[in-house]
């Protein structure tokens, strides 16, 4: 496992930031009565309920459709050159 860090410049890096205290922060308020959807509606059946790859598949879906919600934080960075 490798840690991935978002630096002040908006760049991703596998190197930890040099300072241990962040100057700024981002925050949001979650409302359990109005959860953030993880798939656009209507949802098509992708896998049967008992398929072992179901949760893995959902984790890599494009979720940009929720970018404008007040309870979602979004950052845009350069592509990673290595993994």
PDB file of N, CA and C in Angstrom:
ATOM      1  N   UNK A   1       0.847  -1.178   0.000  1.00  0.00           N
ATOM      2  CA  UNK A   1       0.000   0.000   0.000  1.00  0.00           C
ATOM      3  C   UNK A   1       0.891   1.240   0.000  1.00  0.00           C
ATOM      4  N   UNK A   2       0.497   2.238  -0.790  1.00  0.00           N
ATOM      5  CA  UNK A   2       1.225   3.511  -0.822  1.00  0.00           C
ATOM      6  C   UNK A   2       0.257   4.639  -0.491  1.00  0.00           C
ATOM      7  N   UNK A   3       0.743   5.621   0.251  1.00  0.00           N
ATOM      8  CA  UNK A   3      -0.072   6.791   0.578  1.00  0.00           C
ATOM      9  C   UNK A   3       0.042   7.795  -0.559  1.00  0.00           C
ATOM     10  N   UNK A   4      -1.044   8.483  -0.836  1.00  0.00           N
ATOM     11  CA  UNK A   4      -1.093   9.506  -1.863  1.00  0.00           C
ATOM     12  C   UNK A   4      -1.484  10.811  -1.193  1.00  0.00           C
ATOM     13  N   UNK A   5      -0.746  11.895  -1.469  1.00  0.00           N
ATOM     14  CA  UNK A   5      -0.960  13.174  -0.795  1.00  0.00           C
ATOM     15  C   UNK A   5      -1.371  14.247  -1.793  1.00  0.00           C
ATOM     16  N   UNK A   6      -2.316  15.085  -1.388  1.00  0.00           N
ATOM     17  CA  UNK A   6      -2.723  16.252  -2.178  1.00  0.00           C
ATOM     18  C   UNK A   6      -1.995  17.449  -1.583  1.00  0.00           C
ATOM     19  N   UNK A   7      -1.115  18.052  -2.348  1.00  0.00           N
ATOM     20  CA  UNK A   7      -0.321  19.188  -1.881  1.00  0.00           C
ATOM     21  C   UNK A   7      -1.051  20.503  -2.137  1.00  0.00           C
ATOM     22  N   UNK A   8      -0.591  21.566  -1.473  1.00  0.00           N
ATOM     23  CA  UNK A   8      -1.208  22.894  -1.605  1.00  0.00           C
ATOM     24  C   UNK A   8      -1.313  23.335  -3.054  1.00  0.00           C
ATOM     25  N   UNK A   9      -0.359  22.950  -3.868  1.00  0.00           N
ATOM     26  CA  UNK A   9      -0.345  23.363  -5.266  1.00  0.00           C
ATOM     27  C   UNK A   9      -1.400  22.646  -6.092  1.00  0.00           C
ATOM     28  N   UNK A  10      -2.135  21.729  -5.477  1.00  0.00           N
ATOM     29  CA  UNK A  10      -3.143  20.970  -6.197  1.00  0.00           C
ATOM     30  C   UNK A  10      -2.564  19.766  -6.916  1.00  0.00           C
ATOM     31  N   UNK A  11      -1.339  19.420  -6.593  1.00  0.00           N
ATOM     32  CA  UNK A  11      -0.686  18.285  -7.229  1.00  0.00           C
ATOM     33  C   UNK A  11      -0.726  17.069  -6.308  1.00  0.00           C
ATOM     34  N   UNK A  12      -0.855  15.892  -6.923  1.00  0.00           N
ATOM     35  CA  UNK A  12      -0.790  14.651  -6.186  1.00  0.00           C
ATOM     36  C   UNK A  12       0.641  14.163  -6.141  1.00  0.00           C
ATOM     37  N   UNK A  13       1.013  13.544  -5.033  1.00  0.00           N
ATOM     38  CA  UNK A  13       2.371  13.031  -4.898  1.00  0.00           C
ATOM     39  C   UNK A  13       2.380  11.879  -3.908  1.00  0.00           C
ATOM     40  N   UNK A  14       3.322  10.970  -4.100  1.00  0.00           N
ATOM     41  CA  UNK A  14       3.531   9.909  -3.124  1.00  0.00           C
ATOM     42  C   UNK A  14       4.446  10.389  -1.996  1.00  0.00           C
ATOM     43  N   UNK A  15       4.977  11.590  -2.111  1.00  0.00           N
ATOM     44  CA  UNK A  15       5.835  12.183  -1.081  1.00  0.00           C
ATOM     45  C   UNK A  15       4.982  12.996  -0.119  1.00  0.00           C
ATOM     46  N   UNK A  16       5.181  12.762   1.175  1.00  0.00           N
ATOM     47  CA  UNK A  16       4.437  13.514   2.189  1.00  0.00           C
ATOM     48  C   UNK A  16       4.833  14.985   2.139  1.00  0.00           C
ATOM     49  N   UNK A  17       3.917  15.889   2.457  1.00  0.00           N
ATOM     50  CA  UNK A  17       4.256  17.314   2.498  1.00  0.00           C
ATOM     51  C   UNK A  17       5.369  17.576   3.513  1.00  0.00           C
ATOM     52  N   UNK A  18       6.168  18.607   3.258  1.00  0.00           N
ATOM     53  CA  UNK A  18       7.281  18.930   4.153  1.00  0.00           C
ATOM     54  C   UNK A  18       6.791  19.477   5.493  1.00  0.00           C
ATOM     55  N   UNK A  19       5.679  20.156   5.506  1.00  0.00           N
ATOM     56  CA  UNK A  19       5.148  20.682   6.757  1.00  0.00           C
ATOM     57  C   UNK A  19       4.082  19.733   7.281  1.00  0.00           C
ATOM     58  N   UNK A  20       3.995  19.620   8.599  1.00  0.00           N
ATOM     59  CA  UNK A  20       3.036  18.688   9.186  1.00  0.00           C
ATOM     60  C   UNK A  20       1.698  19.349   9.493  1.00  0.00           C
ATOM     61  N   UNK A  21       1.636  20.673   9.433  1.00  0.00           N
ATOM     62  CA  UNK A  21       0.398  21.385   9.739  1.00  0.00           C
ATOM     63  C   UNK A  21      -0.121  22.057   8.473  1.00  0.00           C
ATOM     64  N   UNK A  22      -1.339  21.746   8.121  1.00  0.00           N
ATOM     65  CA  UNK A  22      -1.941  22.346   6.928  1.00  0.00           C
ATOM     66  C   UNK A  22      -2.424  23.756   7.251  1.00  0.00           C
ATOM     67  N   UNK A  23      -2.177  24.678   6.339  1.00  0.00           N
ATOM     68  CA  UNK A  23      -2.598  26.063   6.527  1.00  0.00           C
ATOM     69  C   UNK A  23      -4.102  26.207   6.324  1.00  0.00           C
ATOM     70  N   UNK A  24      -4.641  25.518   5.348  1.00  0.00           N
ATOM     71  CA  UNK A  24      -6.058  25.641   5.034  1.00  0.00           C
ATOM     72  C   UNK A  24      -6.739  24.295   5.127  1.00  0.00           C
ATOM     73  N   UNK A  25      -8.015  24.302   4.845  1.00  0.00           N
ATOM     74  CA  UNK A  25      -8.758  23.050   4.873  1.00  0.00           C
ATOM     75  C   UNK A  25      -9.999  23.190   4.009  1.00  0.00           C
ATOM     76  N   UNK A  26     -10.567  22.084   3.651  1.00  0.00           N
ATOM     77  CA  UNK A  26     -11.839  22.019   2.946  1.00  0.00           C
ATOM     78  C   UNK A  26     -12.800  21.263   3.845  1.00  0.00           C
ATOM     79  N   UNK A  27     -14.057  21.623   3.806  1.00  0.00           N
ATOM     80  CA  UNK A  27     -15.025  20.930   4.645  1.00  0.00           C
ATOM     81  C   UNK A  27     -16.381  20.874   3.944  1.00  0.00           C
ATOM     82  N   UNK A  28     -17.226  20.006   4.447  1.00  0.00           N
ATOM     83  CA  UNK A  28     -18.589  19.893   3.953  1.00  0.00           C
ATOM     84  C   UNK A  28     -19.454  19.365   5.089  1.00  0.00           C
ATOM     85  N   UNK A  29     -20.762  19.530   4.963  1.00  0.00           N
ATOM     86  CA  UNK A  29     -21.688  18.998   5.953  1.00  0.00           C
ATOM     87  C   UNK A  29     -22.491  17.887   5.299  1.00  0.00           C
ATOM     88  N   UNK A  30     -22.528  16.758   5.947  1.00  0.00           N
ATOM     89  CA  UNK A  30     -23.254  15.599   5.447  1.00  0.00           C
ATOM     90  C   UNK A  30     -24.655  15.571   6.041  1.00  0.00           C
ATOM     91  N   UNK A  31     -25.636  15.262   5.222  1.00  0.00           N
ATOM     92  CA  UNK A  31     -27.016  15.137   5.692  1.00  0.00           C
ATOM     93  C   UNK A  31     -27.459  13.700   5.439  1.00  0.00           C
ATOM     94  N   UNK A  32     -27.497  12.865   6.467  1.00  0.00           N
ATOM     95  CA  UNK A  32     -27.881  11.466   6.280  1.00  0.00           C
ATOM     96  C   UNK A  32     -29.269  11.284   5.659  1.00  0.00           C
ATOM     97  N   UNK A  33     -30.114  12.287   5.781  1.00  0.00           N
ATOM     98  CA  UNK A  33     -31.446  12.189   5.181  1.00  0.00           C
ATOM     99  C   UNK A  33     -31.408  12.377   3.665  1.00  0.00           C
ATOM    100  N   UNK A  34     -30.304  12.942   3.149  1.00  0.00           N
ATOM    101  CA  UNK A  34     -30.138  13.171   1.711  1.00  0.00           C
ATOM    102  C   UNK A  34     -28.741  12.705   1.289  1.00  0.00           C
ATOM    103  N   UNK A  35     -28.508  11.388   1.285  1.00  0.00           N
ATOM    104  CA  UNK A  35     -27.170  10.879   0.970  1.00  0.00           C
ATOM    105  C   UNK A  35     -26.758  11.172  -0.467  1.00  0.00           C
ATOM    106  N   UNK A  36     -25.461  11.251  -0.688  1.00  0.00           N
ATOM    107  CA  UNK A  36     -24.916  11.481  -2.025  1.00  0.00           C
ATOM    108  C   UNK A  36     -25.063  10.192  -2.831  1.00  0.00           C
ATOM    109  N   UNK A  37     -25.718  10.256  -3.981  1.00  0.00           N
ATOM    110  CA  UNK A  37     -25.821   9.044  -4.796  1.00  0.00           C
ATOM    111  C   UNK A  37     -24.467   8.689  -5.394  1.00  0.00           C
ATOM    112  N   UNK A  38     -24.193   7.414  -5.528  1.00  0.00           N
ATOM    113  CA  UNK A  38     -22.921   6.992  -6.110  1.00  0.00           C
ATOM    114  C   UNK A  38     -23.062   6.576  -7.564  1.00  0.00           C
ATOM    115  N   UNK A  39     -24.296   6.525  -8.063  1.00  0.00           N
ATOM    116  CA  UNK A  39     -24.541   6.247  -9.476  1.00  0.00           C
ATOM    117  C   UNK A  39     -25.671   7.137  -9.948  1.00  0.00           C
ATOM    118  N   UNK A  40     -25.600   7.555 -11.209  1.00  0.00           N
ATOM    119  CA  UNK A  40     -26.666   8.376 -11.764  1.00  0.00           C
ATOM    120  C   UNK A  40     -27.949   7.574 -11.851  1.00  0.00           C
ATOM    121  N   UNK A  41     -29.037   8.264 -11.732  1.00  0.00           N
ATOM    122  CA  UNK A  41     -30.347   7.622 -11.857  1.00  0.00           C
ATOM    123  C   UNK A  41     -30.844   7.763 -13.282  1.00  0.00           C
ATOM    124  N   UNK A  42     -31.558   6.841 -13.853  1.00  0.00           N
ATOM    125  CA  UNK A  42     -31.905   5.537 -13.291  1.00  0.00           C
ATOM    126  C   UNK A  42     -30.694   4.608 -13.304  1.00  0.00           C
ATOM    127  N   UNK A  43     -30.641   3.706 -12.330  1.00  0.00           N
ATOM    128  CA  UNK A  43     -29.529   2.765 -12.206  1.00  0.00           C
ATOM    129  C   UNK A  43     -29.880   1.483 -12.955  1.00  0.00           C
ATOM    130  N   UNK A  44     -29.029   1.139 -13.914  1.00  0.00           N
ATOM    131  CA  UNK A  44     -29.200  -0.121 -14.628  1.00  0.00           C
ATOM    132  C   UNK A  44     -28.551  -1.236 -13.827  1.00  0.00           C
ATOM    133  N   UNK A  45     -29.097  -2.426 -13.911  1.00  0.00           N
ATOM    134  CA  UNK A  45     -28.513  -3.583 -13.232  1.00  0.00           C
ATOM    135  C   UNK A  45     -27.181  -3.895 -13.892  1.00  0.00           C
ATOM    136  N   UNK A  46     -26.095  -3.834 -13.146  1.00  0.00           N
ATOM    137  CA  UNK A  46     -24.765  -4.103 -13.661  1.00  0.00           C
ATOM    138  C   UNK A  46     -24.373  -5.548 -13.411  1.00  0.00           C
ATOM    139  N   UNK A  47     -24.577  -5.983 -12.194  1.00  0.00           N
ATOM    140  CA  UNK A  47     -24.234  -7.342 -11.783  1.00  0.00           C
ATOM    141  C   UNK A  47     -25.378  -7.898 -10.950  1.00  0.00           C
ATOM    142  N   UNK A  48     -25.522  -9.222 -10.921  1.00  0.00           N
ATOM    143  CA  UNK A  48     -26.483  -9.802  -9.966  1.00  0.00           C
ATOM    144  C   UNK A  48     -26.052  -9.460  -8.542  1.00  0.00           C
ATOM    145  N   UNK A  49     -26.977  -9.434  -7.624  1.00  0.00           N
ATOM    146  CA  UNK A  49     -26.699  -9.062  -6.234  1.00  0.00           C
ATOM    147  C   UNK A  49     -25.565  -9.871  -5.611  1.00  0.00           C
ATOM    148  N   UNK A  50     -25.414 -11.130  -5.988  1.00  0.00           N
ATOM    149  CA  UNK A  50     -24.415 -11.987  -5.350  1.00  0.00           C
ATOM    150  C   UNK A  50     -23.088 -12.040  -6.109  1.00  0.00           C
ATOM    151  N   UNK A  51     -22.894 -11.180  -7.113  1.00  0.00           N
ATOM    152  CA  UNK A  51     -21.658 -11.208  -7.905  1.00  0.00           C
ATOM    153  C   UNK A  51     -20.502 -10.657  -7.075  1.00  0.00           C
ATOM    154  N   UNK A  52     -19.350 -11.378  -7.008  1.00  0.00           N
ATOM    155  CA  UNK A  52     -18.232 -10.928  -6.157  1.00  0.00           C
ATOM    156  C   UNK A  52     -17.591  -9.615  -6.599  1.00  0.00           C
ATOM    157  N   UNK A  53     -17.702  -9.203  -7.855  1.00  0.00           N
ATOM    158  CA  UNK A  53     -17.087  -7.973  -8.333  1.00  0.00           C
ATOM    159  C   UNK A  53     -17.966  -6.752  -8.236  1.00  0.00           C
ATOM    160  N   UNK A  54     -19.151  -6.905  -7.669  1.00  0.00           N
ATOM    161  CA  UNK A  54     -20.124  -5.811  -7.632  1.00  0.00           C
ATOM    162  C   UNK A  54     -19.573  -4.549  -6.961  1.00  0.00           C
ATOM    163  N   UNK A  55     -19.063  -4.648  -5.740  1.00  0.00           N
ATOM    164  CA  UNK A  55     -18.587  -3.458  -5.033  1.00  0.00           C
ATOM    165  C   UNK A  55     -17.347  -2.868  -5.686  1.00  0.00           C
ATOM    166  N   UNK A  56     -16.456  -3.688  -6.197  1.00  0.00           N
ATOM    167  CA  UNK A  56     -15.261  -3.195  -6.877  1.00  0.00           C
ATOM    168  C   UNK A  56     -15.663  -2.390  -8.103  1.00  0.00           C
ATOM    169  N   UNK A  57     -16.622  -2.864  -8.855  1.00  0.00           N
ATOM    170  CA  UNK A  57     -17.085  -2.174 -10.056  1.00  0.00           C
ATOM    171  C   UNK A  57     -17.661  -0.798  -9.706  1.00  0.00           C
ATOM    172  N   UNK A  58     -18.439  -0.702  -8.632  1.00  0.00           N
ATOM    173  CA  UNK A  58     -19.053   0.570  -8.260  1.00  0.00           C
ATOM    174  C   UNK A  58     -18.012   1.592  -7.821  1.00  0.00           C
ATOM    175  N   UNK A  59     -16.898   1.151  -7.286  1.00  0.00           N
ATOM    176  CA  UNK A  59     -15.871   2.060  -6.786  1.00  0.00           C
ATOM    177  C   UNK A  59     -15.151   2.808  -7.898  1.00  0.00           C
ATOM    178  N   UNK A  60     -15.255   2.361  -9.139  1.00  0.00           N
ATOM    179  CA  UNK A  60     -14.535   3.006 -10.236  1.00  0.00           C
ATOM    180  C   UNK A  60     -15.469   3.694 -11.227  1.00  0.00           C
ATOM    181  N   UNK A  61     -16.710   3.887 -10.869  1.00  0.00           N
ATOM    182  CA  UNK A  61     -17.656   4.571 -11.740  1.00  0.00           C
ATOM    183  C   UNK A  61     -17.396   6.075 -11.755  1.00  0.00           C
ATOM    184  N   UNK A  62     -17.669   6.701 -12.885  1.00  0.00           N
ATOM    185  CA  UNK A  62     -17.539   8.148 -13.018  1.00  0.00           C
ATOM    186  C   UNK A  62     -18.601   8.810 -12.136  1.00  0.00           C
ATOM    187  N   UNK A  63     -18.179   9.605 -11.186  1.00  0.00           N
ATOM    188  CA  UNK A  63     -19.117  10.229 -10.254  1.00  0.00           C
ATOM    189  C   UNK A  63     -19.124  11.751 -10.362  1.00  0.00           C
ATOM    190  N   UNK A  64     -18.697  12.267 -11.501  1.00  0.00           N
ATOM    191  CA  UNK A  64     -18.673  13.725 -11.670  1.00  0.00           C
ATOM    192  C   UNK A  64     -20.057  14.348 -11.647  1.00  0.00           C
ATOM    193  N   UNK A  65     -21.103  13.559 -11.809  1.00  0.00           N
ATOM    194  CA  UNK A  65     -22.453  14.105 -11.822  1.00  0.00           C
ATOM    195  C   UNK A  65     -22.858  14.708 -10.474  1.00  0.00           C
ATOM    196  N   UNK A  66     -22.108  14.461  -9.406  1.00  0.00           N
ATOM    197  CA  UNK A  66     -22.424  15.036  -8.088  1.00  0.00           C
ATOM    198  C   UNK A  66     -21.512  16.203  -7.725  1.00  0.00           C
ATOM    199  N   UNK A  67     -20.662  16.641  -8.642  1.00  0.00           N
ATOM    200  CA  UNK A  67     -19.696  17.716  -8.367  1.00  0.00           C
ATOM    201  C   UNK A  67     -20.300  18.979  -7.770  1.00  0.00           C
ATOM    202  N   UNK A  68     -21.467  19.347  -8.185  1.00  0.00           N
ATOM    203  CA  UNK A  68     -22.051  20.627  -7.767  1.00  0.00           C
ATOM    204  C   UNK A  68     -22.828  20.551  -6.454  1.00  0.00           C
ATOM    205  N   UNK A  69     -22.901  19.386  -5.862  1.00  0.00           N
ATOM    206  CA  UNK A  69     -23.624  19.261  -4.581  1.00  0.00           C
ATOM    207  C   UNK A  69     -22.837  19.952  -3.471  1.00  0.00           C
ATOM    208  N   UNK A  70     -23.532  20.576  -2.510  1.00  0.00           N
ATOM    209  CA  UNK A  70     -22.831  21.244  -1.413  1.00  0.00           C
ATOM    210  C   UNK A  70     -22.196  20.274  -0.418  1.00  0.00           C
ATOM    211  N   UNK A  71     -22.549  18.990  -0.493  1.00  0.00           N
ATOM    212  CA  UNK A  71     -21.998  18.006   0.436  1.00  0.00           C
ATOM    213  C   UNK A  71     -20.965  17.093  -0.232  1.00  0.00           C
ATOM    214  N   UNK A  72     -20.335  17.604  -1.306  1.00  0.00           N
ATOM    215  CA  UNK A  72     -19.303  16.859  -2.032  1.00  0.00           C
ATOM    216  C   UNK A  72     -18.089  17.762  -2.229  1.00  0.00           C
ATOM    217  N   UNK A  73     -16.904  17.244  -1.938  1.00  0.00           N
ATOM    218  CA  UNK A  73     -15.657  17.965  -2.204  1.00  0.00           C
ATOM    219  C   UNK A  73     -15.022  17.362  -3.448  1.00  0.00           C
ATOM    220  N   UNK A  74     -14.546  18.216  -4.348  1.00  0.00           N
ATOM    221  CA  UNK A  74     -13.950  17.752  -5.601  1.00  0.00           C
ATOM    222  C   UNK A  74     -12.651  18.506  -5.844  1.00  0.00           C
ATOM    223  N   UNK A  75     -11.615  17.776  -6.235  1.00  0.00           N
ATOM    224  CA  UNK A  75     -10.344  18.378  -6.613  1.00  0.00           C
ATOM    225  C   UNK A  75      -9.970  17.836  -7.979  1.00  0.00           C
ATOM    226  N   UNK A  76      -9.307  18.639  -8.762  1.00  0.00           N
ATOM    227  CA  UNK A  76      -8.850  18.199 -10.071  1.00  0.00           C
ATOM    228  C   UNK A  76      -7.334  18.340 -10.111  1.00  0.00           C
ATOM    229  N   UNK A  77      -6.645  17.273 -10.490  1.00  0.00           N
ATOM    230  CA  UNK A  77      -5.195  17.247 -10.512  1.00  0.00           C
ATOM    231  C   UNK A  77      -4.699  16.716 -11.850  1.00  0.00           C
ATOM    232  N   UNK A  78      -3.400  16.749 -12.026  1.00  0.00           N
ATOM    233  CA  UNK A  78      -2.811  16.150 -13.211  1.00  0.00           C
ATOM    234  C   UNK A  78      -2.938  14.629 -13.108  1.00  0.00           C
ATOM    235  N   UNK A  79      -2.792  13.947 -14.245  1.00  0.00           N
ATOM    236  CA  UNK A  79      -2.798  12.490 -14.225  1.00  0.00           C
ATOM    237  C   UNK A  79      -1.571  11.994 -13.489  1.00  0.00           C
ATOM    238  N   UNK A  80      -1.707  10.867 -12.824  1.00  0.00           N
ATOM    239  CA  UNK A  80      -0.555  10.248 -12.169  1.00  0.00           C
ATOM    240  C   UNK A  80       0.365   9.646 -13.218  1.00  0.00           C
ATOM    241  N   UNK A  81       1.654   9.857 -13.065  1.00  0.00           N
ATOM    242  CA  UNK A  81       2.628   9.309 -14.009  1.00  0.00           C
ATOM    243  C   UNK A  81       3.028   7.898 -13.611  1.00  0.00           C
ATOM    244  N   UNK A  82       2.813   7.524 -12.357  1.00  0.00           N
ATOM    245  CA  UNK A  82       3.178   6.202 -11.874  1.00  0.00           C
ATOM    246  C   UNK A  82       2.162   5.755 -10.838  1.00  0.00           C
ATOM    247  N   UNK A  83       2.180   4.466 -10.553  1.00  0.00           N
ATOM    248  CA  UNK A  83       1.279   3.933  -9.514  1.00  0.00           C
ATOM    249  C   UNK A  83       2.054   3.103  -8.533  1.00  0.00           C
TER     250      UNK A  83
END
